[in-house]
Amino acid sequence: MTLRLAFMGTPDFAVPTLSALIERGHDVCAVYSQPARPKGRGLTREPSPVAKIAAAHNIEVRTPKTLKGKDAQTAFTDLHLDAAVVVAYGLLLPKAVLEAPRLGCFNLHGSLLPRWRGAAPIQRAIMEGDAETGVMVMRMEQGLDTGPWLSEERVTIGRKTFGQLHDELAELGAGLMMRTLATLERGTAKAHTQNNIGATYARKIENAETRIDWSKRAEEIDRKIRALSPVPGAWCEYRNERLKILAVDLANESGAPGTILDDRLTVACGTDALRIARLQRAGRGPMDVADLLRGYAIPTGSKFT
């Protein structure tokens, strides 16, 4: 049995789930995504990753700026859906949209709800030093990520970067959504009410918090670097040039915060130190520290600001 579905998603995180729906033979009759955005130096408008996959499979792509209007809601209702699958779409779904599909609208969220509701759950879990995170499928309601959850998968975070954890959860989530839809088809899905005690909000990453403060503890800076790697990247300055720090190792050394302690680019923090492993100069690609130092001197005793 297949379901008649609309898929609603925008970034790379949503692509594995859309691809899995298509491969499983579900009737994805429409894809909703954010409008094309200017990209690159030429500011050429480029469709979202999800829109590109949909177009490659000849699926209708809809890019409304809002779903609040009657025309947009009627167009959605007229699809006569069994369900809508939502993964990092970027628009709030009004009540009329949430209630239109026969079974409901189901969101794949990148955290273990109610922890890290909101826009940046993967980054915030790493920044705060959570031991584990995961993905959940929830039935959507009008509150922000407050609906009952149907299924979950958990993973340990360890020293993973945002990029590594993002890709792992995207693939894991695709499989979880397929299994959850199967239980909906069979009528065996079980919904669990979220416990609002202990709920946290994963606010969007702001530009101001991407700058590294070397007076912080090495462990705290390490978490920030991993949470922002590879994008948008945690950064500092050296000789008025911005350096994105992409990977570090913890080091049991000390010195004035921001000071380079040796020729391996070990940087003193408020407590202990970090040895930089990979970084990126402005306008250049990422590189290992050994490659950087062959043509770009950063002497011992220098200071990052």
C-alpha atoms as a PDB file:
ATOM      1  CA  MET A   1       0.000   0.000   0.000  1.00  0.00           C
ATOM      2  CA  THR A   2       1.233   3.489  -0.826  1.00  0.00           C
ATOM      3  CA  LEU A   3       0.224   6.813   0.654  1.00  0.00           C
ATOM      4  CA  ARG A   4      -0.716   9.972  -1.197  1.00  0.00           C
ATOM      5  CA  LEU A   5       1.649  12.566   0.235  1.00  0.00           C
ATOM      6  CA  ALA A   6       2.860  16.124   0.040  1.00  0.00           C
ATOM      7  CA  PHE A   7       6.473  16.678   1.030  1.00  0.00           C
ATOM      8  CA  MET A   8       7.417  19.972   2.663  1.00  0.00           C
ATOM      9  CA  GLY A   9      11.122  20.704   3.077  1.00  0.00           C
ATOM     10  CA  THR A  10      13.945  22.931   1.903  1.00  0.00           C
ATOM     11  CA  PRO A  11      17.617  22.221   2.836  1.00  0.00           C
ATOM     12  CA  ASP A  12      20.005  19.285   2.400  1.00  0.00           C
ATOM     13  CA  PHE A  13      18.801  17.772   5.685  1.00  0.00           C
ATOM     14  CA  ALA A  14      15.426  17.049   4.044  1.00  0.00           C
ATOM     15  CA  VAL A  15      16.772  15.434   0.870  1.00  0.00           C
ATOM     16  CA  PRO A  16      17.308  11.851   2.178  1.00  0.00           C
ATOM     17  CA  THR A  17      13.702  11.672   3.386  1.00  0.00           C
ATOM     18  CA  LEU A  18      12.247  12.892   0.080  1.00  0.00           C
ATOM     19  CA  SER A  19      14.487  10.476  -1.822  1.00  0.00           C
ATOM     20  CA  ALA A  20      13.373   7.584   0.395  1.00  0.00           C
ATOM     21  CA  LEU A  21       9.686   8.419  -0.153  1.00  0.00           C
ATOM     22  CA  ILE A  22      10.199   8.347  -3.909  1.00  0.00           C
ATOM     23  CA  GLU A  23      12.198   5.105  -3.790  1.00  0.00           C
ATOM     24  CA  ARG A  24       9.527   3.401  -1.671  1.00  0.00           C
ATOM     25  CA  GLY A  25       6.918   4.230  -4.288  1.00  0.00           C
ATOM     26  CA  HIS A  26       4.765   6.597  -2.264  1.00  0.00           C
ATOM     27  CA  ASP A  27       2.628   8.957  -4.328  1.00  0.00           C
ATOM     28  CA  VAL A  28       4.380  12.276  -3.685  1.00  0.00           C
ATOM     29  CA  CYS A  29       1.956  14.490  -5.588  1.00  0.00           C
ATOM     30  CA  ALA A  30       3.477  17.854  -4.630  1.00  0.00           C
ATOM     31  CA  VAL A  31       6.596  19.227  -2.994  1.00  0.00           C
ATOM     32  CA  TYR A  32       6.511  22.470  -1.008  1.00  0.00           C
ATOM     33  CA  SER A  33       9.791  24.315  -0.564  1.00  0.00           C
ATOM     34  CA  GLN A  34      11.175  27.787   0.102  1.00  0.00           C
ATOM     35  CA  PRO A  35      11.510  30.025  -2.985  1.00  0.00           C
ATOM     36  CA  ALA A  36      14.798  30.125  -4.897  1.00  0.00           C
ATOM     37  CA  ARG A  37      17.409  32.301  -3.178  1.00  0.00           C
ATOM     38  CA  PRO A  38      20.264  34.393  -4.625  1.00  0.00           C
ATOM     39  CA  LYS A  39      23.508  32.439  -4.296  1.00  0.00           C
ATOM     40  CA  GLY A  40      27.186  32.903  -5.095  1.00  0.00           C
ATOM     41  CA  ARG A  41      29.054  35.965  -6.253  1.00  0.00           C
ATOM     42  CA  GLY A  42      26.684  36.465  -9.156  1.00  0.00           C
ATOM     43  CA  LEU A  43      23.650  36.191  -6.853  1.00  0.00           C
ATOM     44  CA  THR A  44      22.010  33.793  -9.271  1.00  0.00           C
ATOM     45  CA  ARG A  45      18.690  32.532  -7.934  1.00  0.00           C
ATOM     46  CA  GLU A  46      19.009  28.834  -7.212  1.00  0.00           C
ATOM     47  CA  PRO A  47      16.243  26.372  -6.237  1.00  0.00           C
ATOM     48  CA  SER A  48      16.515  24.671  -2.861  1.00  0.00           C
ATOM     49  CA  PRO A  49      18.109  21.194  -2.625  1.00  0.00           C
ATOM     50  CA  VAL A  50      14.648  19.691  -2.114  1.00  0.00           C
ATOM     51  CA  ALA A  51      13.204  21.522  -5.130  1.00  0.00           C
ATOM     52  CA  LYS A  52      16.024  20.174  -7.311  1.00  0.00           C
ATOM     53  CA  ILE A  53      15.279  16.569  -6.325  1.00  0.00           C
ATOM     54  CA  ALA A  54      11.564  17.070  -6.940  1.00  0.00           C
ATOM     55  CA  ALA A  55      12.166  18.592 -10.364  1.00  0.00           C
ATOM     56  CA  ALA A  56      14.471  15.697 -11.302  1.00  0.00           C
ATOM     57  CA  HIS A  57      11.550  13.324 -10.625  1.00  0.00           C
ATOM     58  CA  ASN A  58       8.950  15.499 -12.371  1.00  0.00           C
ATOM     59  CA  ILE A  59       7.113  16.266  -9.134  1.00  0.00           C
ATOM     60  CA  GLU A  60       5.252  19.560  -8.941  1.00  0.00           C
ATOM     61  CA  VAL A  61       7.142  22.099  -6.833  1.00  0.00           C
ATOM     62  CA  ARG A  62       5.221  24.811  -4.978  1.00  0.00           C
ATOM     63  CA  THR A  63       7.066  27.727  -3.371  1.00  0.00           C
ATOM     64  CA  PRO A  64       4.511  29.945  -1.606  1.00  0.00           C
ATOM     65  CA  LYS A  65       5.896  32.718   0.575  1.00  0.00           C
ATOM     66  CA  THR A  66       3.169  31.984   3.118  1.00  0.00           C
ATOM     67  CA  LEU A  67       0.416  29.442   3.742  1.00  0.00           C
ATOM     68  CA  LYS A  68      -1.804  31.866   5.635  1.00  0.00           C
ATOM     69  CA  GLY A  69      -3.916  32.894   2.646  1.00  0.00           C
ATOM     70  CA  LYS A  70      -7.150  31.161   1.658  1.00  0.00           C
ATOM     71  CA  ASP A  71      -5.952  30.383  -1.883  1.00  0.00           C
ATOM     72  CA  ALA A  72      -2.814  28.607  -0.634  1.00  0.00           C
ATOM     73  CA  GLN A  73      -4.817  26.625   1.913  1.00  0.00           C
ATOM     74  CA  THR A  74      -7.443  25.623  -0.660  1.00  0.00           C
ATOM     75  CA  ALA A  75      -4.723  24.497  -3.085  1.00  0.00           C
ATOM     76  CA  PHE A  76      -3.251  22.314  -0.330  1.00  0.00           C
ATOM     77  CA  THR A  77      -6.629  20.862   0.688  1.00  0.00           C
ATOM     78  CA  ASP A  78      -7.436  20.066  -2.948  1.00  0.00           C
ATOM     79  CA  LEU A  79      -4.507  17.603  -3.046  1.00  0.00           C
ATOM     80  CA  HIS A  80      -6.682  15.167  -1.007  1.00  0.00           C
ATOM     81  CA  LEU A  81      -3.701  13.824   0.915  1.00  0.00           C
ATOM     82  CA  ASP A  82      -3.321  10.884   3.216  1.00  0.00           C
ATOM     83  CA  ALA A  83      -0.519  12.741   5.002  1.00  0.00           C
ATOM     84  CA  ALA A  84       2.079  15.493   4.695  1.00  0.00           C
ATOM     85  CA  VAL A  85       5.735  14.825   5.527  1.00  0.00           C
ATOM     86  CA  VAL A  86       7.599  17.888   6.807  1.00  0.00           C
ATOM     87  CA  VAL A  87      11.382  18.174   7.200  1.00  0.00           C
ATOM     88  CA  ALA A  88      12.976  21.585   7.849  1.00  0.00           C
ATOM     89  CA  TYR A  89      10.461  23.384   5.645  1.00  0.00           C
ATOM     90  CA  GLY A  90      10.804  26.885   7.080  1.00  0.00           C
ATOM     91  CA  LEU A  91       7.161  28.025   7.141  1.00  0.00           C
ATOM     92  CA  LEU A  92       4.603  27.654   9.912  1.00  0.00           C
ATOM     93  CA  LEU A  93       1.622  25.496   8.966  1.00  0.00           C
ATOM     94  CA  PRO A  94      -1.763  27.077   9.796  1.00  0.00           C
ATOM     95  CA  LYS A  95      -4.521  25.019  11.382  1.00  0.00           C
ATOM     96  CA  ALA A  96      -6.320  24.564   8.046  1.00  0.00           C
ATOM     97  CA  VAL A  97      -3.188  22.999   6.540  1.00  0.00           C
ATOM     98  CA  LEU A  98      -2.479  20.814   9.561  1.00  0.00           C
ATOM     99  CA  GLU A  99      -6.003  19.407   9.471  1.00  0.00           C
ATOM    100  CA  ALA A 100      -6.282  18.859   5.717  1.00  0.00           C
ATOM    101  CA  PRO A 101      -4.534  15.449   5.290  1.00  0.00           C
ATOM    102  CA  ARG A 102      -6.514  12.381   6.344  1.00  0.00           C
ATOM    103  CA  LEU A 103      -3.869  11.159   8.787  1.00  0.00           C
ATOM    104  CA  GLY A 104      -2.232  14.483   9.620  1.00  0.00           C
ATOM    105  CA  CYS A 105       1.099  16.256   9.084  1.00  0.00           C
ATOM    106  CA  PHE A 106       4.251  14.565  10.367  1.00  0.00           C
ATOM    107  CA  ASN A 107       7.509  16.344  11.077  1.00  0.00           C
ATOM    108  CA  LEU A 108      11.009  14.863  11.268  1.00  0.00           C
ATOM    109  CA  HIS A 109      12.872  16.862  13.933  1.00  0.00           C
ATOM    110  CA  GLY A 110      16.615  16.721  14.655  1.00  0.00           C
ATOM    111  CA  SER A 111      16.536  16.357  18.444  1.00  0.00           C
ATOM    112  CA  LEU A 112      15.041  14.319  21.275  1.00  0.00           C
ATOM    113  CA  LEU A 113      11.967  16.403  22.014  1.00  0.00           C
ATOM    114  CA  PRO A 114      11.077  18.273  24.144  1.00  0.00           C
ATOM    115  CA  ARG A 115      14.791  19.136  24.272  1.00  0.00           C
ATOM    116  CA  TRP A 116      15.817  21.590  21.575  1.00  0.00           C
ATOM    117  CA  ARG A 117      12.571  22.646  19.980  1.00  0.00           C
ATOM    118  CA  GLY A 118      13.180  25.238  17.289  1.00  0.00           C
ATOM    119  CA  ALA A 119      15.533  26.196  14.484  1.00  0.00           C
ATOM    120  CA  ALA A 120      19.012  24.909  15.397  1.00  0.00           C
ATOM    121  CA  PRO A 121      18.656  21.702  17.433  1.00  0.00           C
ATOM    122  CA  ILE A 122      21.793  19.945  16.171  1.00  0.00           C
ATOM    123  CA  GLN A 123      24.103  22.899  16.791  1.00  0.00           C
ATOM    124  CA  ARG A 124      22.666  23.622  20.240  1.00  0.00           C
ATOM    125  CA  ALA A 125      23.002  20.002  21.368  1.00  0.00           C
ATOM    126  CA  ILE A 126      26.721  20.071  20.525  1.00  0.00           C
ATOM    127  CA  MET A 127      27.288  23.533  22.035  1.00  0.00           C
ATOM    128  CA  GLU A 128      25.704  22.542  25.338  1.00  0.00           C
ATOM    129  CA  GLY A 129      27.694  19.326  25.620  1.00  0.00           C
ATOM    130  CA  ASP A 130      24.769  16.898  25.358  1.00  0.00           C
ATOM    131  CA  ALA A 131      25.891  13.268  25.478  1.00  0.00           C
ATOM    132  CA  GLU A 132      23.288  12.141  22.949  1.00  0.00           C
ATOM    133  CA  THR A 133      20.741  13.442  20.512  1.00  0.00           C
ATOM    134  CA  GLY A 134      18.612  11.916  17.796  1.00  0.00           C
ATOM    135  CA  VAL A 135      15.649  12.296  15.483  1.00  0.00           C
ATOM    136  CA  MET A 136      11.939  12.101  16.205  1.00  0.00           C
ATOM    137  CA  VAL A 137       8.809  11.890  14.076  1.00  0.00           C
ATOM    138  CA  MET A 138       5.986  13.925  15.590  1.00  0.00           C
ATOM    139  CA  ARG A 139       2.414  14.674  14.598  1.00  0.00           C
ATOM    140  CA  MET A 140       2.310  18.419  14.094  1.00  0.00           C
ATOM    141  CA  GLU A 141       0.058  20.818  15.925  1.00  0.00           C
ATOM    142  CA  GLN A 142      -0.007  24.609  16.088  1.00  0.00           C
ATOM    143  CA  GLY A 143       2.624  24.891  18.839  1.00  0.00           C
ATOM    144  CA  LEU A 144       6.331  24.985  17.927  1.00  0.00           C
ATOM    145  CA  ASP A 145       7.499  21.339  17.932  1.00  0.00           C
ATOM    146  CA  THR A 146       5.017  20.512  20.700  1.00  0.00           C
ATOM    147  CA  GLY A 147       2.995  17.733  19.074  1.00  0.00           C
ATOM    148  CA  PRO A 148       2.924  14.083  20.197  1.00  0.00           C
ATOM    149  CA  TRP A 149       5.856  11.986  18.969  1.00  0.00           C
ATOM    150  CA  LEU A 150       5.490   8.629  17.275  1.00  0.00           C
ATOM    151  CA  SER A 151       9.036   7.298  16.937  1.00  0.00           C
ATOM    152  CA  GLU A 152      12.664   8.108  17.717  1.00  0.00           C
ATOM    153  CA  GLU A 153      16.258   7.091  17.033  1.00  0.00           C
ATOM    154  CA  ARG A 154      19.133   8.047  19.340  1.00  0.00           C
ATOM    155  CA  VAL A 155      22.848   8.583  18.674  1.00  0.00           C
ATOM    156  CA  THR A 156      25.815   9.549  20.797  1.00  0.00           C
ATOM    157  CA  ILE A 157      27.437  12.890  19.989  1.00  0.00           C
ATOM    158  CA  GLY A 158      30.996  12.319  21.162  1.00  0.00           C
ATOM    159  CA  ARG A 159      33.305  14.687  19.284  1.00  0.00           C
ATOM    160  CA  LYS A 160      31.245  14.889  16.112  1.00  0.00           C
ATOM    161  CA  THR A 161      31.004  18.159  14.237  1.00  0.00           C
ATOM    162  CA  PHE A 162      27.746  19.726  13.126  1.00  0.00           C
ATOM    163  CA  GLY A 163      28.420  18.534   9.576  1.00  0.00           C
ATOM    164  CA  GLN A 164      28.995  14.941  10.642  1.00  0.00           C
ATOM    165  CA  LEU A 165      26.006  14.828  12.966  1.00  0.00           C
ATOM    166  CA  HIS A 166      23.769  16.610  10.443  1.00  0.00           C
ATOM    167  CA  ASP A 167      24.468  13.987   7.771  1.00  0.00           C
ATOM    168  CA  GLU A 168      24.096  11.079  10.199  1.00  0.00           C
ATOM    169  CA  LEU A 169      20.747  12.309  11.491  1.00  0.00           C
ATOM    170  CA  ALA A 170      19.442  13.109   8.010  1.00  0.00           C
ATOM    171  CA  GLU A 171      20.015   9.517   6.868  1.00  0.00           C
ATOM    172  CA  LEU A 172      18.791   8.034  10.132  1.00  0.00           C
ATOM    173  CA  GLY A 173      15.701  10.223   9.983  1.00  0.00           C
ATOM    174  CA  ALA A 174      14.814   9.094   6.475  1.00  0.00           C
ATOM    175  CA  GLY A 175      14.663   5.474   7.583  1.00  0.00           C
ATOM    176  CA  LEU A 176      12.729   6.413  10.708  1.00  0.00           C
ATOM    177  CA  MET A 177      10.118   8.284   8.676  1.00  0.00           C
ATOM    178  CA  MET A 178       9.652   5.306   6.344  1.00  0.00           C
ATOM    179  CA  ARG A 179       9.067   2.954   9.272  1.00  0.00           C
ATOM    180  CA  THR A 180       6.695   5.418  10.908  1.00  0.00           C
ATOM    181  CA  LEU A 181       4.632   5.821   7.747  1.00  0.00           C
ATOM    182  CA  ALA A 182       4.360   2.035   7.569  1.00  0.00           C
ATOM    183  CA  THR A 183       2.808   1.969  11.047  1.00  0.00           C
ATOM    184  CA  LEU A 184       0.385   4.707   9.996  1.00  0.00           C
ATOM    185  CA  GLU A 185      -0.634   2.618   6.978  1.00  0.00           C
ATOM    186  CA  ARG A 186      -1.237  -0.405   9.204  1.00  0.00           C
ATOM    187  CA  GLY A 187      -3.017   1.644  11.878  1.00  0.00           C
ATOM    188  CA  THR A 188      -0.524   0.577  14.560  1.00  0.00           C
ATOM    189  CA  ALA A 189       1.206   3.918  15.195  1.00  0.00           C
ATOM    190  CA  LYS A 190       1.332   4.996  18.844  1.00  0.00           C
ATOM    191  CA  ALA A 191       1.531   8.655  19.836  1.00  0.00           C
ATOM    192  CA  HIS A 192       3.311   9.805  23.008  1.00  0.00           C
ATOM    193  CA  THR A 193       2.567  13.168  24.619  1.00  0.00           C
ATOM    194  CA  GLN A 194       5.609  15.365  25.108  1.00  0.00           C
ATOM    195  CA  ASN A 195       6.528  16.267  28.658  1.00  0.00           C
ATOM    196  CA  ASN A 196       6.931  20.050  28.699  1.00  0.00           C
ATOM    197  CA  ILE A 197       9.066  19.883  31.845  1.00  0.00           C
ATOM    198  CA  GLY A 198      12.658  20.375  30.760  1.00  0.00           C
ATOM    199  CA  ALA A 199      11.756  21.697  27.303  1.00  0.00           C
ATOM    200  CA  THR A 200      14.484  23.857  25.753  1.00  0.00           C
ATOM    201  CA  TYR A 201      14.495  26.153  22.729  1.00  0.00           C
ATOM    202  CA  ALA A 202      17.180  25.925  20.031  1.00  0.00           C
ATOM    203  CA  ARG A 203      17.338  29.498  18.841  1.00  0.00           C
ATOM    204  CA  LYS A 204      18.802  30.337  15.451  1.00  0.00           C
ATOM    205  CA  ILE A 205      22.585  30.768  15.289  1.00  0.00           C
ATOM    206  CA  GLU A 206      23.363  34.495  15.270  1.00  0.00           C
ATOM    207  CA  ASN A 207      26.446  35.986  13.608  1.00  0.00           C
ATOM    208  CA  ALA A 208      27.582  37.578  16.861  1.00  0.00           C
ATOM    209  CA  GLU A 209      28.009  34.224  18.609  1.00  0.00           C
ATOM    210  CA  THR A 210      30.266  32.690  15.930  1.00  0.00           C
ATOM    211  CA  ARG A 211      33.325  34.677  17.081  1.00  0.00           C
ATOM    212  CA  ILE A 212      35.676  32.753  19.389  1.00  0.00           C
ATOM    213  CA  ASP A 213      36.349  34.146  22.855  1.00  0.00           C
ATOM    214  CA  TRP A 214      39.674  32.591  23.852  1.00  0.00           C
ATOM    215  CA  SER A 215      39.102  33.517  27.506  1.00  0.00           C
ATOM    216  CA  LYS A 216      36.486  30.759  27.732  1.00  0.00           C
ATOM    217  CA  ARG A 217      37.346  27.216  28.842  1.00  0.00           C
ATOM    218  CA  ALA A 218      38.954  25.022  26.175  1.00  0.00           C
ATOM    219  CA  GLU A 219      36.082  22.496  26.366  1.00  0.00           C
ATOM    220  CA  GLU A 220      33.493  25.225  25.796  1.00  0.00           C
ATOM    221  CA  ILE A 221      35.367  26.649  22.797  1.00  0.00           C
ATOM    222  CA  ASP A 222      35.843  23.149  21.397  1.00  0.00           C
ATOM    223  CA  ARG A 223      32.074  22.562  21.542  1.00  0.00           C
ATOM    224  CA  LYS A 224      31.410  25.862  19.755  1.00  0.00           C
ATOM    225  CA  ILE A 225      33.910  25.052  17.005  1.00  0.00           C
ATOM    226  CA  ARG A 226      32.395  21.610  16.434  1.00  0.00           C
ATOM    227  CA  ALA A 227      28.833  23.000  16.534  1.00  0.00           C
ATOM    228  CA  LEU A 228      29.656  25.521  13.789  1.00  0.00           C
ATOM    229  CA  SER A 229      31.858  23.327  11.577  1.00  0.00           C
ATOM    230  CA  PRO A 230      31.883  23.432   8.614  1.00  0.00           C
ATOM    231  CA  VAL A 231      29.282  26.220   8.412  1.00  0.00           C
ATOM    232  CA  PRO A 232      28.979  28.973   9.348  1.00  0.00           C
ATOM    233  CA  GLY A 233      32.324  28.413  11.078  1.00  0.00           C
ATOM    234  CA  ALA A 234      33.670  29.717  14.389  1.00  0.00           C
ATOM    235  CA  TRP A 235      36.300  32.376  13.776  1.00  0.00           C
ATOM    236  CA  CYS A 236      38.966  34.620  15.222  1.00  0.00           C
ATOM    237  CA  GLU A 237      41.360  37.189  13.765  1.00  0.00           C
ATOM    238  CA  TYR A 238      45.103  37.197  13.176  1.00  0.00           C
ATOM    239  CA  ARG A 239      46.720  40.356  11.812  1.00  0.00           C
ATOM    240  CA  ASN A 240      43.275  41.678  10.857  1.00  0.00           C
ATOM    241  CA  GLU A 241      42.490  38.569   8.787  1.00  0.00           C
ATOM    242  CA  ARG A 242      39.565  36.350   9.702  1.00  0.00           C
ATOM    243  CA  LEU A 243      40.401  32.687  10.267  1.00  0.00           C
ATOM    244  CA  LYS A 244      37.648  30.056  10.506  1.00  0.00           C
ATOM    245  CA  ILE A 245      38.627  27.286  12.903  1.00  0.00           C
ATOM    246  CA  LEU A 246      37.122  24.004  11.709  1.00  0.00           C
ATOM    247  CA  ALA A 247      38.722  21.299  13.868  1.00  0.00           C
ATOM    248  CA  VAL A 248      40.756  21.253  17.095  1.00  0.00           C
ATOM    249  CA  ASP A 249      42.152  18.835  19.669  1.00  0.00           C
ATOM    250  CA  LEU A 250      42.181  19.441  23.402  1.00  0.00           C
ATOM    251  CA  ALA A 251      45.635  20.156  24.866  1.00  0.00           C
ATOM    252  CA  ASN A 252      46.756  20.195  28.501  1.00  0.00           C
ATOM    253  CA  GLU A 253      48.767  23.417  28.295  1.00  0.00           C
ATOM    254  CA  SER A 254      48.296  26.951  29.550  1.00  0.00           C
ATOM    255  CA  GLY A 255      49.105  30.558  28.788  1.00  0.00           C
ATOM    256  CA  ALA A 256      47.508  33.945  28.200  1.00  0.00           C
ATOM    257  CA  PRO A 257      44.204  33.389  26.337  1.00  0.00           C
ATOM    258  CA  GLY A 258      44.607  33.571  22.559  1.00  0.00           C
ATOM    259  CA  THR A 259      48.401  33.138  22.644  1.00  0.00           C
ATOM    260  CA  ILE A 260      50.095  30.685  20.254  1.00  0.00           C
ATOM    261  CA  LEU A 261      52.080  28.314  22.478  1.00  0.00           C
ATOM    262  CA  ASP A 262      54.098  26.292  19.941  1.00  0.00           C
ATOM    263  CA  ASP A 263      54.812  25.637  16.266  1.00  0.00           C
ATOM    264  CA  ARG A 264      51.834  23.251  16.013  1.00  0.00           C
ATOM    265  CA  LEU A 265      49.348  26.098  16.492  1.00  0.00           C
ATOM    266  CA  THR A 266      48.312  25.306  20.047  1.00  0.00           C
ATOM    267  CA  VAL A 267      46.246  28.208  21.390  1.00  0.00           C
ATOM    268  CA  ALA A 268      45.891  29.023  25.080  1.00  0.00           C
ATOM    269  CA  CYS A 269      42.345  29.349  26.421  1.00  0.00           C
ATOM    270  CA  GLY A 270      40.907  30.558  29.712  1.00  0.00           C
ATOM    271  CA  THR A 271      41.686  27.086  31.029  1.00  0.00           C
ATOM    272  CA  ASP A 272      43.880  24.589  29.150  1.00  0.00           C
ATOM    273  CA  ALA A 273      44.413  24.976  25.394  1.00  0.00           C
ATOM    274  CA  LEU A 274      43.309  23.837  21.931  1.00  0.00           C
ATOM    275  CA  ARG A 275      45.552  22.543  19.163  1.00  0.00           C
ATOM    276  CA  ILE A 276      44.129  23.627  15.812  1.00  0.00           C
ATOM    277  CA  ALA A 277      43.926  20.821  13.253  1.00  0.00           C
ATOM    278  CA  ARG A 278      42.025  22.402  10.376  1.00  0.00           C
ATOM    279  CA  LEU A 279      41.101  25.962   9.459  1.00  0.00           C
ATOM    280  CA  GLN A 280      40.217  28.289   6.592  1.00  0.00           C
ATOM    281  CA  ARG A 281      41.591  31.665   5.578  1.00  0.00           C
ATOM    282  CA  ALA A 282      39.278  34.292   4.099  1.00  0.00           C
ATOM    283  CA  GLY A 283      38.577  33.624   0.430  1.00  0.00           C
ATOM    284  CA  ARG A 284      40.321  30.217   0.460  1.00  0.00           C
ATOM    285  CA  GLY A 285      39.377  26.608   0.964  1.00  0.00           C
ATOM    286  CA  PRO A 286      39.722  24.601   4.181  1.00  0.00           C
ATOM    287  CA  MET A 287      43.183  23.203   4.897  1.00  0.00           C
ATOM    288  CA  ASP A 288      45.119  21.237   7.498  1.00  0.00           C
ATOM    289  CA  VAL A 289      47.345  23.283   9.787  1.00  0.00           C
ATOM    290  CA  ALA A 290      50.535  21.666   8.435  1.00  0.00           C
ATOM    291  CA  ASP A 291      49.640  22.839   4.918  1.00  0.00           C
ATOM    292  CA  LEU A 292      48.827  26.343   6.138  1.00  0.00           C
ATOM    293  CA  LEU A 293      52.064  26.778   8.076  1.00  0.00           C
ATOM    294  CA  ARG A 294      54.235  25.854   5.097  1.00  0.00           C
ATOM    295  CA  GLY A 295      53.362  29.168   3.486  1.00  0.00           C
ATOM    296  CA  TYR A 296      51.863  31.292   6.265  1.00  0.00           C
ATOM    297  CA  ALA A 297      53.916  32.002   9.372  1.00  0.00           C
ATOM    298  CA  ILE A 298      52.209  32.241  12.763  1.00  0.00           C
ATOM    299  CA  PRO A 299      55.122  32.411  15.236  1.00  0.00           C
ATOM    300  CA  THR A 300      55.041  31.150  18.799  1.00  0.00           C
ATOM    301  CA  GLY A 301      54.015  33.983  21.088  1.00  0.00           C
ATOM    302  CA  SER A 302      51.659  35.520  18.493  1.00  0.00           C
ATOM    303  CA  LYS A 303      48.121  36.199  19.562  1.00  0.00           C
ATOM    304  CA  PHE A 304      44.711  35.551  18.055  1.00  0.00           C
ATOM    305  CA  THR A 305      42.090  38.222  18.735  1.00  0.00           C
END
